[in-house]
Amino acid sequence: QEDLEALIAEFQSLDAKKTQVIESSCPPPSPRLNCSLCAHPERDELILFGGEYFNGQKTYLYNDLYIYHIRKNSWAKLDIPNPPPRRCAHQAAVVPTAGGQLWIFGGEFASPNGEQFYHYKDLWVLHLATKTWEQIKAPGGPSGRSGHRMVVCKRQLIIFGGFHESARDFIYYNDVYVFNLDSFTWSKLAPAGMGPAPRSGCLMTPTPEGNIIIYGGYSKQRIKKDVDKGTLHTDMFLLKAEGAGKEEDRWSWSRLSPSGVKPTPRSGFSVAAAPNNRCLLFGGVHDEEEEESLEGDFFNDIYFYDVGKNRWFPAQLKGPKSERRKRRRGRQAEAEAAGEEQLPPPQGPLEVVKEVVAEDGTVMTIKQVIPGAAEDKDRSGSEEEEEEEEEEGGALGQAVEPCPRSSAMVAVKHGVLYVYGGMFEVGDRQVTLSDLHSIDLHRMDQWKVLQEMDPKTQEWLEESESDEEEEEDDVEGAEGGEEEEESSEEESEDEEGEQQHPAVQPGEAQAHYVARTEQYWLRLARSHMGPEAKDKKVLKVAHAMAKTFHEDAI
């Protein structure tokens, strides 16, 4: 703990050397997780702060502040003196006061080896009009934590849950604190009724009446020494303010039983307030524990919760109008030619198994549940047909939808949802994304890619045998190290370049190429995945590598 405090103090002394505000155009932020993304209350901008990056050996932490200019589709870096110390898994919320304020509470700092944690309990405000950071020191606030949730409700910041982890132990919270934005004072609520069990990473959203809704989240319990059991929560609660508007509000918990189709159980989902008194949930992961190992099913679906109707429903992409007409005409012609009636669309949800291929060709299988919809019959049929449709012009916008992921950063501005980054796993490897997608929540027609993932930013280092060099790099490690990442990426590309993959013959179909070169790709996949990997999985990876190579060669 003392080591970490010394490290944080060292970084703060470096930050203190900044004396002026500098805003500079820059490339998109490097990949990072557990940062915050908020829509500017007055301008067409998104504000990204903090986050962490893990490259397989080291954890890097950030306190950078980036502005995404929506109209220009460009990023700028904002250097402001005396920022909050580096952190991730904090919470941020914006209010329109005095030209806009960004409030930040809590979060964590990790040692470069990722084994020690320091949890913050500080409260900061960024004055957006004057571009100044200010730490608000008020007694009686929450204990240090990360993974908590914070929302603005009336003139208050309300904080719920989270966790605190030390080298030996961990604790999850279900307490509720309120920070009054007028008096700058903290108070701890003592609501009546049975509230949610302790948890982190839940959905928390305010209602127009000034109440709070909590859904889902994650917690773990120690069963016996060194054995923890994780719980995915799927329950839902209402925290109601009884004495509306009075100084001493009385609060009470009650359980909600929503109608409709609830999200499938998951953690690591992202949450944003949507138009028409709705809240949305995007993506996440469902970890299945299997023979001592964790297998993750990642998602890229959207669910809406209608606050007024207390009802969940899965979002359905309509597809671009011209595409819908084209497909409809095509289907009618086919039906007439076959002399058969058109069948009504399937109603039930459809489970689609997808494969996400990483830069080095390793693959992850992702189960995605697609709700039944009128357009769904387009999705049946063989993969080849789907690929042809995508080439013709992105059927259902599938060609550009964000790949399944957890822990994405999301924000809504002018009814448009922006999804930045997130992560998924391939075997033991963690892929941290930095792509940016958007979708109009009013039209729900198609995803747009605003920023592709830059493969050069991806690196993954296997765990090193010796810990000696780690200690020397500690300060630099927790700090940044992008240059190091790029050079090691180039080296690994060079090494891979030496290997000659079987060439694709002129005009050779993908299926033929895969069949002809299968043994080669099987050997390569096995060498990547090791002798322990199951044959079925190795075959899947081999085929994905072959397909990827075939696509790149054409």
Protein backbone atom coordinates (compact mmCIF):
# COMPACT_ATOMS: atom_id res chain seq x y z
CA GLN A 1 0.00 0.00 0.00
CA GLU A 2 2.81 2.43 0.94
CA ASP A 3 4.62 1.60 -2.31
CA LEU A 4 1.51 2.45 -4.30
CA GLU A 5 0.95 5.72 -2.43
CA ALA A 6 4.58 6.65 -3.17
CA LEU A 7 4.05 5.81 -6.85
CA ILE A 8 0.86 7.91 -7.00
CA ALA A 9 2.66 10.81 -5.27
CA GLU A 10 5.50 10.56 -7.80
CA PHE A 11 3.05 10.79 -10.70
CA GLN A 12 1.30 13.75 -9.08
CA SER A 13 4.60 15.61 -8.74
CA LEU A 14 5.13 15.05 -12.49
CA ASP A 15 1.60 16.33 -13.18
CA ALA A 16 2.25 19.39 -10.98
CA LYS A 17 4.88 20.54 -13.46
CA LYS A 18 2.11 21.25 -15.96
CA THR A 19 1.25 24.92 -15.60
CA GLN A 20 -0.87 25.73 -18.63
CA VAL A 21 -3.87 24.35 -20.46
CA ILE A 22 -2.85 22.80 -23.78
CA GLU A 23 -5.40 21.45 -26.26
CA SER A 24 -3.84 19.62 -29.21
CA SER A 25 -5.26 17.55 -32.06
CA CYS A 26 -4.17 13.95 -31.73
CA PRO A 27 -4.73 10.46 -33.08
CA PRO A 28 -7.41 8.39 -31.31
CA PRO A 29 -6.56 7.35 -27.72
CA SER A 30 -4.47 4.18 -27.38
CA PRO A 31 -6.50 1.11 -26.32
CA ARG A 32 -7.71 1.30 -22.72
CA LEU A 33 -10.35 -0.15 -20.45
CA ASN A 34 -12.41 1.10 -17.52
CA CYS A 35 -12.11 4.75 -18.48
CA SER A 36 -15.13 7.06 -18.46
CA LEU A 37 -16.92 8.47 -21.51
CA CYS A 38 -19.47 11.27 -21.08
CA ALA A 39 -21.36 13.55 -23.45
CA HIS A 40 -20.60 17.26 -22.98
CA PRO A 41 -23.81 18.86 -21.66
CA GLU A 42 -23.65 21.80 -24.09
CA ARG A 43 -21.30 21.00 -26.97
CA ASP A 44 -21.19 18.23 -29.58
CA GLU A 45 -18.34 16.55 -27.77
CA LEU A 46 -17.59 13.38 -25.81
CA ILE A 47 -15.15 13.49 -22.88
CA LEU A 48 -12.91 10.50 -22.13
CA PHE A 49 -10.89 10.31 -18.92
CA GLY A 50 -8.48 7.80 -17.35
CA GLY A 51 -8.47 4.04 -17.83
CA GLU A 52 -6.01 1.15 -17.83
CA TYR A 53 -4.25 -1.07 -20.35
CA PHE A 54 -2.89 -4.59 -19.71
CA ASN A 55 -0.49 -6.12 -22.25
CA GLY A 56 -0.15 -9.57 -20.68
CA GLN A 57 2.70 -8.58 -18.37
CA LYS A 58 2.14 -5.06 -17.20
CA THR A 59 -0.73 -2.77 -16.24
CA TYR A 60 -0.58 0.85 -17.43
CA LEU A 61 -2.78 3.52 -15.84
CA TYR A 62 -3.83 6.85 -17.29
CA ASN A 63 -5.22 10.23 -16.25
CA ASP A 64 -5.31 11.63 -19.79
CA LEU A 65 -8.27 13.72 -20.82
CA TYR A 66 -9.46 13.41 -24.44
CA ILE A 67 -12.20 15.28 -26.28
CA TYR A 68 -13.96 13.62 -29.23
CA HIS A 69 -15.39 16.22 -31.63
CA ILE A 70 -18.53 14.57 -32.98
CA ARG A 71 -19.01 16.74 -36.08
CA LYS A 72 -15.36 16.55 -37.15
CA ASN A 73 -14.96 12.87 -36.14
CA SER A 74 -11.62 13.85 -34.59
CA TRP A 75 -9.87 13.68 -31.21
CA ALA A 76 -8.03 16.30 -29.18
CA LYS A 77 -5.94 15.84 -26.04
CA LEU A 78 -6.54 18.31 -23.24
CA ASP A 79 -3.66 18.86 -20.81
CA ILE A 80 -4.93 20.69 -17.74
CA PRO A 81 -2.76 21.39 -14.67
CA ASN A 82 -3.31 19.41 -11.44
CA PRO A 83 -5.55 16.62 -12.74
CA PRO A 84 -6.81 13.74 -10.55
CA PRO A 85 -4.20 10.97 -10.12
CA ARG A 86 -4.17 8.11 -12.66
CA ARG A 87 -7.07 5.73 -12.23
CA CYS A 88 -9.53 3.29 -13.78
CA ALA A 89 -12.96 1.88 -12.84
CA HIS A 90 -13.98 5.29 -11.46
CA GLN A 91 -17.31 6.95 -12.21
CA ALA A 92 -17.98 10.20 -14.04
CA ALA A 93 -21.14 12.27 -14.49
CA VAL A 94 -21.86 15.60 -16.20
CA VAL A 95 -24.10 18.47 -15.10
CA PRO A 96 -24.92 21.61 -17.13
CA THR A 97 -24.00 24.03 -14.30
CA ALA A 98 -21.79 27.03 -15.26
CA GLY A 99 -21.01 25.92 -18.81
CA GLY A 100 -20.79 22.27 -17.84
CA GLN A 101 -19.07 20.26 -15.12
CA LEU A 102 -17.63 16.74 -15.18
CA TRP A 103 -17.68 15.11 -11.72
CA ILE A 104 -15.43 12.13 -10.93
CA PHE A 105 -15.46 9.89 -7.87
CA GLY A 106 -13.29 6.97 -6.75
CA GLY A 107 -11.69 4.28 -8.88
CA GLU A 108 -8.47 2.37 -8.46
CA PHE A 109 -4.74 2.47 -9.13
CA ALA A 110 -2.93 -0.83 -9.72
CA SER A 111 0.74 -1.68 -9.43
CA PRO A 112 2.40 -2.48 -12.78
CA ASN A 113 2.35 -6.22 -11.99
CA GLY A 114 -1.41 -5.94 -11.33
CA GLU A 115 -1.15 -7.53 -7.90
CA GLN A 116 -1.66 -4.51 -5.61
CA PHE A 117 -4.57 -2.07 -5.67
CA TYR A 118 -5.15 1.36 -4.21
CA HIS A 119 -8.80 2.47 -4.10
CA TYR A 120 -9.59 6.18 -4.24
CA LYS A 121 -12.32 7.96 -2.29
CA ASP A 122 -11.67 11.42 -3.71
CA LEU A 123 -14.16 13.66 -5.50
CA TRP A 124 -13.12 15.93 -8.38
CA VAL A 125 -14.84 18.36 -10.70
CA LEU A 126 -13.63 19.51 -14.11
CA HIS A 127 -15.02 22.95 -14.93
CA LEU A 128 -15.52 22.59 -18.67
CA ALA A 129 -15.94 26.32 -19.40
CA THR A 130 -12.70 27.40 -17.66
CA LYS A 131 -10.84 24.09 -18.24
CA THR A 132 -9.79 23.75 -14.61
CA TRP A 133 -9.69 20.74 -12.28
CA GLU A 134 -10.76 21.14 -8.67
CA GLN A 135 -10.67 18.59 -5.86
CA ILE A 136 -13.70 18.87 -3.57
CA LYS A 137 -12.79 17.97 0.00
CA ALA A 138 -15.95 17.25 1.98
CA PRO A 139 -16.17 14.85 4.95
CA GLY A 140 -18.52 11.87 5.31
CA GLY A 141 -18.26 10.45 1.79
CA PRO A 142 -18.04 6.79 0.69
CA SER A 143 -14.99 4.65 1.52
CA GLY A 144 -12.43 4.00 -1.24
CA ARG A 145 -13.85 1.79 -3.99
CA SER A 146 -14.07 0.96 -7.68
CA GLY A 147 -16.75 -0.64 -9.84
CA HIS A 148 -19.38 1.51 -8.09
CA ARG A 149 -22.06 3.42 -10.00
CA MET A 150 -22.84 7.14 -9.88
CA VAL A 151 -25.70 9.11 -11.45
CA VAL A 152 -26.96 12.69 -11.33
CA CYS A 153 -30.49 12.88 -9.93
CA LYS A 154 -32.02 16.33 -9.44
CA ARG A 155 -29.17 18.38 -7.87
CA GLN A 156 -27.41 15.38 -6.38
CA LEU A 157 -24.76 12.83 -7.21
CA ILE A 158 -25.94 9.42 -5.99
CA ILE A 159 -23.41 6.60 -5.54
CA PHE A 160 -24.22 2.91 -5.08
CA GLY A 161 -22.17 -0.24 -4.49
CA GLY A 162 -18.72 -1.13 -5.81
CA PHE A 163 -15.90 -3.11 -4.22
CA HIS A 164 -12.57 -2.78 -2.42
CA GLU A 165 -9.80 -5.31 -2.94
CA SER A 166 -6.54 -5.78 -1.05
CA ALA A 167 -3.81 -8.40 -1.49
CA ARG A 168 -5.53 -10.68 1.02
CA ASP A 169 -9.22 -9.88 0.89
CA PHE A 170 -12.09 -8.14 -0.91
CA ILE A 171 -15.41 -6.60 0.04
CA TYR A 172 -18.47 -5.66 -2.05
CA TYR A 173 -20.79 -2.80 -1.07
CA ASN A 174 -24.51 -2.05 -1.30
CA ASP A 175 -24.49 1.30 0.48
CA VAL A 176 -25.93 4.52 -1.00
CA TYR A 177 -24.35 7.96 -0.63
CA VAL A 178 -25.64 11.32 -1.82
CA PHE A 179 -23.52 14.39 -2.61
CA ASN A 180 -25.53 17.62 -2.71
CA LEU A 181 -24.37 19.80 -5.62
CA ASP A 182 -25.63 22.99 -3.94
CA SER A 183 -24.33 22.59 -0.38
CA PHE A 184 -21.30 20.41 -1.36
CA THR A 185 -22.06 17.97 1.47
CA TRP A 186 -22.18 14.16 1.68
CA SER A 187 -24.87 12.12 3.38
CA LYS A 188 -25.30 8.37 3.70
CA LEU A 189 -28.82 7.09 3.02
CA ALA A 190 -30.52 4.54 5.25
CA PRO A 191 -33.40 3.39 3.03
CA ALA A 192 -36.23 1.27 4.44
CA GLY A 193 -36.96 -2.18 2.95
CA MET A 194 -34.78 -4.94 1.55
CA GLY A 195 -32.28 -3.58 -0.96
CA PRO A 196 -29.93 -5.27 -3.45
CA ALA A 197 -27.18 -7.59 -2.22
CA PRO A 198 -23.68 -6.04 -2.38
CA ARG A 199 -22.40 -5.82 -5.99
CA SER A 200 -20.33 -3.88 -8.51
CA GLY A 201 -20.80 -3.09 -12.20
CA CYS A 202 -24.60 -2.86 -12.09
CA LEU A 203 -27.04 -0.77 -14.12
CA MET A 204 -28.01 2.38 -12.23
CA THR A 205 -30.37 4.91 -13.80
CA PRO A 206 -32.45 7.82 -12.45
CA THR A 207 -36.16 8.20 -13.26
CA PRO A 208 -37.85 11.52 -14.13
CA GLU A 209 -39.55 11.43 -10.68
CA GLY A 210 -36.19 11.45 -8.92
CA ASN A 211 -36.04 7.73 -8.08
CA ILE A 212 -33.22 5.29 -8.84
CA ILE A 213 -33.32 1.91 -10.60
CA ILE A 214 -30.68 -0.80 -10.04
CA TYR A 215 -30.32 -3.92 -12.21
CA GLY A 216 -27.82 -6.78 -12.28
CA GLY A 217 -24.14 -6.53 -11.43
CA TYR A 218 -21.46 -8.88 -10.20
CA SER A 219 -20.06 -9.99 -6.84
CA LYS A 220 -17.91 -12.78 -5.53
CA GLN A 221 -17.71 -14.63 -2.25
CA ARG A 222 -14.90 -16.58 -0.64
CA ILE A 223 -16.05 -20.17 -0.22
CA LYS A 224 -12.83 -21.46 1.33
CA LYS A 225 -9.16 -20.42 1.37
CA ASP A 226 -8.14 -19.25 -2.13
CA VAL A 227 -11.49 -20.31 -3.66
CA ASP A 228 -13.92 -17.58 -4.73
CA LYS A 229 -17.31 -18.00 -6.35
CA GLY A 230 -18.67 -15.29 -8.66
CA THR A 231 -22.36 -14.37 -8.85
CA LEU A 232 -24.08 -12.71 -11.80
CA HIS A 233 -27.04 -10.78 -10.41
CA THR A 234 -30.18 -10.46 -12.54
CA ASP A 235 -32.54 -8.87 -9.99
CA MET A 236 -33.94 -5.36 -10.20
CA PHE A 237 -34.74 -2.74 -7.53
CA LEU A 238 -36.32 0.68 -7.17
CA LEU A 239 -34.90 3.19 -4.68
CA LYS A 240 -37.75 5.61 -4.09
CA ALA A 241 -37.58 9.11 -2.60
CA GLU A 242 -40.65 9.37 -0.38
CA GLY A 243 -40.53 12.99 0.79
CA ALA A 244 -40.05 14.52 -2.65
CA GLY A 245 -38.34 17.90 -2.54
CA LYS A 246 -38.02 18.20 1.25
CA GLU A 247 -34.64 18.66 2.91
CA GLU A 248 -34.77 15.26 4.63
CA ASP A 249 -35.92 12.86 1.92
CA ARG A 250 -37.00 9.45 3.16
CA TRP A 251 -35.89 6.66 0.85
CA SER A 252 -37.08 3.08 0.50
CA TRP A 253 -36.05 0.01 -1.48
CA SER A 254 -38.53 -2.23 -3.29
CA ARG A 255 -38.02 -5.08 -5.74
CA LEU A 256 -39.11 -4.61 -9.36
CA SER A 257 -40.54 -7.39 -11.52
CA PRO A 258 -40.22 -6.08 -15.07
CA SER A 259 -42.19 -7.51 -17.99
CA GLY A 260 -40.82 -8.23 -21.47
CA VAL A 261 -37.56 -9.95 -22.43
CA LYS A 262 -34.79 -9.37 -19.89
CA PRO A 263 -31.13 -9.40 -20.95
CA THR A 264 -29.48 -12.81 -20.71
CA PRO A 265 -27.28 -13.04 -17.56
CA ARG A 266 -23.97 -11.23 -18.03
CA SER A 267 -21.40 -8.95 -16.43
CA GLY A 268 -19.29 -6.18 -17.95
CA PHE A 269 -22.27 -4.65 -19.75
CA SER A 270 -22.40 -0.92 -20.52
CA VAL A 271 -25.28 1.41 -19.69
CA ALA A 272 -26.56 4.73 -21.05
CA ALA A 273 -29.71 6.83 -20.81
CA ALA A 274 -31.65 6.58 -24.09
CA PRO A 275 -34.40 8.76 -25.61
CA ASN A 276 -38.11 8.29 -24.70
CA ASN A 277 -37.56 7.62 -20.99
CA ARG A 278 -35.54 4.49 -21.65
CA CYS A 279 -32.25 3.12 -20.46
CA LEU A 280 -30.07 0.88 -22.63
CA LEU A 281 -27.72 -1.97 -21.88
CA PHE A 282 -25.00 -2.94 -24.40
CA GLY A 283 -22.76 -6.01 -24.66
CA GLY A 284 -21.06 -7.80 -21.78
CA VAL A 285 -19.79 -11.30 -21.10
CA HIS A 286 -21.11 -14.51 -19.60
CA ASP A 287 -18.24 -16.51 -18.12
CA GLU A 288 -18.71 -20.25 -17.96
CA GLU A 289 -16.45 -22.04 -15.53
CA GLU A 290 -15.27 -25.24 -17.14
CA GLU A 291 -12.61 -27.62 -15.77
CA GLU A 292 -10.71 -24.96 -13.82
CA SER A 293 -10.81 -22.53 -16.78
CA LEU A 294 -13.06 -19.63 -17.68
CA GLU A 295 -14.76 -19.57 -21.07
CA GLY A 296 -16.39 -16.28 -22.00
CA ASP A 297 -19.40 -15.74 -24.24
CA PHE A 298 -19.23 -12.09 -25.31
CA PHE A 299 -22.20 -10.03 -26.55
CA ASN A 300 -22.80 -7.04 -28.82
CA ASP A 301 -26.57 -6.80 -28.45
CA ILE A 302 -28.62 -3.88 -27.12
CA TYR A 303 -31.51 -4.17 -24.66
CA PHE A 304 -33.81 -1.28 -23.79
CA TYR A 305 -35.53 -0.84 -20.45
CA ASP A 306 -38.65 1.33 -20.63
CA VAL A 307 -38.71 3.13 -17.27
CA GLY A 308 -42.38 4.18 -17.48
CA LYS A 309 -43.67 0.73 -18.46
CA ASN A 310 -41.18 -1.27 -16.33
CA ARG A 311 -40.47 -3.40 -19.39
CA TRP A 312 -37.33 -4.83 -21.05
CA PHE A 313 -37.07 -5.50 -24.77
CA PRO A 314 -34.22 -6.38 -27.14
CA ALA A 315 -33.31 -3.81 -29.78
CA GLN A 316 -33.94 -4.79 -33.38
CA LEU A 317 -31.94 -3.34 -36.23
CA LYS A 318 -34.15 -2.37 -39.15
CA GLY A 319 -31.41 -2.13 -41.78
CA PRO A 320 -31.01 0.80 -44.23
CA LYS A 321 -34.24 1.64 -46.13
CA SER A 322 -32.89 1.01 -49.64
CA GLU A 323 -31.50 -2.35 -48.50
CA ARG A 324 -34.83 -3.34 -46.94
CA ARG A 325 -36.67 -2.58 -50.20
CA LYS A 326 -34.09 -4.45 -52.27
CA ARG A 327 -34.26 -7.51 -50.04
CA ARG A 328 -38.05 -7.46 -49.94
CA ARG A 329 -38.25 -7.35 -53.75
CA GLY A 330 -35.72 -10.15 -53.99
CA ARG A 331 -37.66 -12.32 -51.56
CA GLN A 332 -40.97 -11.75 -53.36
CA ALA A 333 -39.41 -12.74 -56.69
CA GLU A 334 -37.95 -15.89 -55.15
CA ALA A 335 -41.25 -16.80 -53.52
CA GLU A 336 -43.16 -16.31 -56.78
CA ALA A 337 -40.62 -18.32 -58.76
CA ALA A 338 -40.85 -21.17 -56.28
CA GLY A 339 -44.66 -20.83 -56.31
CA GLU A 340 -44.84 -20.80 -52.52
CA GLU A 341 -46.36 -18.47 -49.96
CA GLN A 342 -44.04 -16.34 -47.88
CA LEU A 343 -43.76 -17.72 -44.39
CA PRO A 344 -44.30 -15.45 -41.40
CA PRO A 345 -41.04 -14.42 -39.73
CA PRO A 346 -39.71 -16.65 -36.94
CA GLN A 347 -40.72 -15.22 -33.58
CA GLY A 348 -38.31 -16.79 -31.11
CA PRO A 349 -34.81 -15.53 -30.38
CA LEU A 350 -32.10 -16.98 -32.60
CA GLU A 351 -28.71 -18.03 -31.27
CA VAL A 352 -25.91 -17.26 -33.69
CA VAL A 353 -22.39 -18.52 -33.14
CA LYS A 354 -19.77 -16.10 -34.43
CA GLU A 355 -16.00 -16.15 -34.59
CA VAL A 356 -13.82 -13.14 -33.85
CA VAL A 357 -10.32 -13.39 -35.29
CA ALA A 358 -7.47 -11.59 -33.54
CA GLU A 359 -4.45 -10.09 -35.31
CA ASP A 360 -2.36 -13.23 -34.89
CA GLY A 361 -5.11 -15.43 -36.27
CA THR A 362 -6.33 -16.83 -32.96
CA VAL A 363 -10.08 -16.98 -32.78
CA MET A 364 -12.80 -16.70 -30.19
CA THR A 365 -16.21 -18.25 -30.51
CA ILE A 366 -19.01 -15.93 -29.51
CA LYS A 367 -22.59 -16.94 -28.91
CA GLN A 368 -24.96 -14.11 -29.74
CA VAL A 369 -28.69 -14.25 -29.12
CA ILE A 370 -30.57 -12.33 -31.81
CA PRO A 371 -34.22 -11.66 -30.99
CA GLY A 372 -36.82 -12.80 -33.50
CA ALA A 373 -37.74 -10.00 -35.92
CA ALA A 374 -39.27 -9.48 -39.34
CA GLU A 375 -35.81 -9.15 -40.88
CA ASP A 376 -34.49 -12.32 -39.26
CA LYS A 377 -35.31 -14.62 -42.14
CA ASP A 378 -32.56 -12.84 -44.06
CA ARG A 379 -30.15 -14.25 -41.54
CA SER A 380 -30.95 -17.89 -42.14
CA GLY A 381 -29.16 -19.81 -44.86
CA SER A 382 -25.53 -20.54 -45.38
CA GLU A 383 -22.61 -18.37 -44.34
CA GLU A 384 -21.66 -17.88 -48.00
CA GLU A 385 -25.00 -16.20 -48.69
CA GLU A 386 -24.47 -13.92 -45.68
CA GLU A 387 -21.04 -12.96 -46.94
CA GLU A 388 -22.40 -12.17 -50.41
CA GLU A 389 -25.13 -10.00 -48.88
CA GLU A 390 -22.56 -8.09 -46.85
CA GLU A 391 -20.45 -7.44 -49.95
CA GLU A 392 -23.49 -6.12 -51.81
CA GLY A 393 -23.99 -3.36 -49.26
CA GLY A 394 -24.08 -4.48 -45.66
CA ALA A 395 -27.31 -6.36 -45.08
CA LEU A 396 -28.75 -5.24 -41.75
CA GLY A 397 -25.59 -3.22 -41.27
CA GLN A 398 -24.01 -6.49 -40.06
CA ALA A 399 -20.75 -5.77 -41.82
CA VAL A 400 -19.95 -2.90 -39.46
CA GLU A 401 -21.56 -3.81 -36.15
CA PRO A 402 -19.16 -3.69 -33.19
CA CYS A 403 -17.70 -7.13 -32.50
CA PRO A 404 -18.96 -8.71 -29.26
CA ARG A 405 -17.20 -7.25 -26.22
CA SER A 406 -17.43 -6.43 -22.55
CA SER A 407 -16.55 -3.26 -20.63
CA ALA A 408 -17.16 -0.91 -23.59
CA MET A 409 -17.42 2.83 -22.90
CA VAL A 410 -20.75 4.27 -24.06
CA ALA A 411 -22.37 7.71 -24.23
CA VAL A 412 -25.50 9.14 -25.88
CA LYS A 413 -25.64 12.58 -27.53
CA HIS A 414 -28.59 13.88 -29.60
CA GLY A 415 -30.17 10.42 -29.57
CA VAL A 416 -27.06 8.73 -31.02
CA LEU A 417 -25.27 5.99 -29.08
CA TYR A 418 -21.45 6.00 -29.24
CA VAL A 419 -19.58 2.81 -28.31
CA TYR A 420 -15.84 3.12 -27.71
CA GLY A 421 -13.46 0.20 -27.15
CA GLY A 422 -13.99 -2.61 -24.66
CA MET A 423 -12.37 -6.02 -24.62
CA PHE A 424 -12.76 -9.68 -25.48
CA GLU A 425 -10.60 -12.71 -24.81
CA VAL A 426 -9.02 -15.31 -27.04
CA GLY A 427 -7.81 -18.18 -24.87
CA ASP A 428 -5.52 -16.54 -22.30
CA ARG A 429 -5.08 -13.43 -24.39
CA GLN A 430 -6.98 -10.22 -23.68
CA VAL A 431 -7.70 -8.00 -26.68
CA THR A 432 -8.28 -4.37 -25.69
CA LEU A 433 -10.18 -2.47 -28.39
CA SER A 434 -10.08 1.21 -29.37
CA ASP A 435 -12.64 1.33 -32.18
CA LEU A 436 -15.57 3.75 -32.20
CA HIS A 437 -19.07 2.92 -33.48
CA SER A 438 -22.36 4.81 -33.43
CA ILE A 439 -26.03 4.04 -34.01
CA ASP A 440 -29.04 6.37 -34.18
CA LEU A 441 -31.36 5.20 -31.39
CA HIS A 442 -34.42 6.82 -32.99
CA ARG A 443 -33.96 5.10 -36.35
CA MET A 444 -32.15 1.94 -35.24
CA ASP A 445 -31.27 1.32 -38.88
CA GLN A 446 -27.55 0.50 -38.88
CA TRP A 447 -24.25 0.83 -37.06
CA LYS A 448 -21.63 3.25 -38.39
CA VAL A 449 -17.89 2.75 -37.97
CA LEU A 450 -16.36 6.09 -36.98
CA GLN A 451 -12.95 4.70 -36.13
CA GLU A 452 -11.43 1.32 -36.96
CA MET A 453 -9.22 -0.61 -34.58
CA ASP A 454 -5.57 0.04 -35.42
CA PRO A 455 -3.82 -3.39 -35.41
CA LYS A 456 -0.50 -1.68 -34.58
CA THR A 457 -1.82 -0.81 -31.13
CA GLN A 458 -2.29 -4.50 -30.28
CA GLU A 459 0.40 -6.30 -28.39
CA TRP A 460 0.36 -9.28 -26.08
CA LEU A 461 3.37 -10.40 -24.08
CA GLU A 462 3.41 -13.82 -22.48
CA GLU A 463 4.05 -13.81 -18.74
CA SER A 464 7.78 -13.45 -18.18
CA GLU A 465 9.74 -15.99 -16.18
CA SER A 466 11.80 -13.44 -14.21
CA ASP A 467 10.40 -10.65 -12.11
CA GLU A 468 13.70 -8.77 -11.85
CA GLU A 469 13.28 -6.43 -14.82
CA GLU A 470 9.69 -5.78 -13.72
CA GLU A 471 10.82 -3.96 -10.59
CA GLU A 472 13.12 -1.64 -12.55
CA ASP A 473 10.24 -0.70 -14.86
CA ASP A 474 7.63 -0.11 -12.16
CA VAL A 475 7.27 3.65 -12.47
CA GLU A 476 7.41 3.70 -16.25
CA GLY A 477 5.13 0.66 -16.35
CA ALA A 478 2.21 2.15 -14.49
CA GLU A 479 2.62 5.28 -16.54
CA GLY A 480 2.39 4.83 -20.29
CA GLY A 481 4.86 3.11 -22.54
CA GLU A 482 3.19 3.48 -25.95
CA GLU A 483 6.55 3.75 -27.75
CA GLU A 484 7.64 0.43 -26.31
CA GLU A 485 4.38 -1.14 -27.47
CA GLU A 486 4.85 -0.03 -31.05
CA SER A 487 8.43 -1.26 -31.36
CA SER A 488 7.64 -4.69 -29.92
CA GLU A 489 4.66 -4.92 -32.29
CA GLU A 490 6.92 -4.26 -35.27
CA GLU A 491 9.35 -6.96 -34.16
CA SER A 492 6.61 -9.54 -33.82
CA GLU A 493 5.26 -8.60 -37.25
CA ASP A 494 8.73 -9.13 -38.72
CA GLU A 495 9.00 -12.56 -37.15
CA GLU A 496 5.62 -13.58 -38.50
CA GLY A 497 6.55 -12.23 -41.91
CA GLU A 498 9.35 -14.81 -42.20
CA GLN A 499 6.82 -17.63 -42.29
CA GLN A 500 5.46 -18.34 -45.79
CA HIS A 501 1.79 -19.38 -45.72
CA PRO A 502 0.46 -21.50 -48.63
CA ALA A 503 -0.39 -19.13 -51.50
CA VAL A 504 -3.96 -18.69 -52.74
CA GLN A 505 -4.22 -19.86 -56.37
CA PRO A 506 -5.82 -17.47 -58.90
CA GLY A 507 -9.62 -17.64 -58.67
CA GLU A 508 -9.51 -20.24 -55.87
CA ALA A 509 -12.71 -20.34 -53.78
CA GLN A 510 -12.37 -20.00 -50.03
CA ALA A 511 -13.83 -23.44 -49.27
CA HIS A 512 -11.40 -25.07 -51.71
CA TYR A 513 -8.41 -23.18 -50.26
CA VAL A 514 -9.35 -24.16 -46.70
CA ALA A 515 -9.71 -27.85 -47.64
CA ARG A 516 -6.45 -27.89 -49.65
CA THR A 517 -4.31 -26.22 -46.94
CA GLU A 518 -6.06 -27.57 -43.83
CA GLN A 519 -3.11 -29.65 -42.56
CA TYR A 520 -0.75 -26.66 -42.71
CA TRP A 521 -3.11 -24.40 -40.74
CA LEU A 522 -3.80 -27.18 -38.23
CA ARG A 523 -0.07 -27.44 -37.48
CA LEU A 524 0.20 -23.65 -37.16
CA ALA A 525 -2.86 -23.40 -34.91
CA ARG A 526 -1.56 -26.22 -32.71
CA SER A 527 1.80 -24.45 -32.33
CA HIS A 528 -0.03 -21.25 -31.27
CA MET A 529 -2.39 -22.96 -28.85
CA GLY A 530 -0.18 -25.63 -27.32
CA PRO A 531 -0.68 -29.37 -26.78
CA GLU A 532 -3.41 -28.89 -24.16
CA ALA A 533 -5.96 -27.30 -26.51
CA LYS A 534 -8.89 -29.46 -27.62
CA ASP A 535 -8.77 -30.78 -31.21
CA LYS A 536 -12.17 -29.25 -32.00
CA LYS A 537 -10.98 -25.80 -30.94
CA VAL A 538 -7.69 -26.14 -32.84
CA LEU A 539 -9.64 -27.07 -36.00
CA LYS A 540 -11.87 -24.02 -35.56
CA VAL A 541 -8.85 -21.72 -35.14
CA ALA A 542 -7.10 -23.32 -38.14
CA HIS A 543 -10.14 -22.72 -40.36
CA ALA A 544 -10.49 -19.13 -39.14
CA MET A 545 -6.80 -18.46 -39.85
CA ALA A 546 -7.11 -19.97 -43.32
CA LYS A 547 -10.24 -17.93 -44.10
CA THR A 548 -8.58 -14.73 -42.85
CA PHE A 549 -5.48 -15.38 -44.96
CA HIS A 550 -7.66 -16.14 -48.01
CA GLU A 551 -9.62 -12.88 -47.55
CA ASP A 552 -6.42 -10.84 -47.15
CA ALA A 553 -4.89 -12.39 -50.26
CA ILE A 554 -7.85 -11.52 -52.50
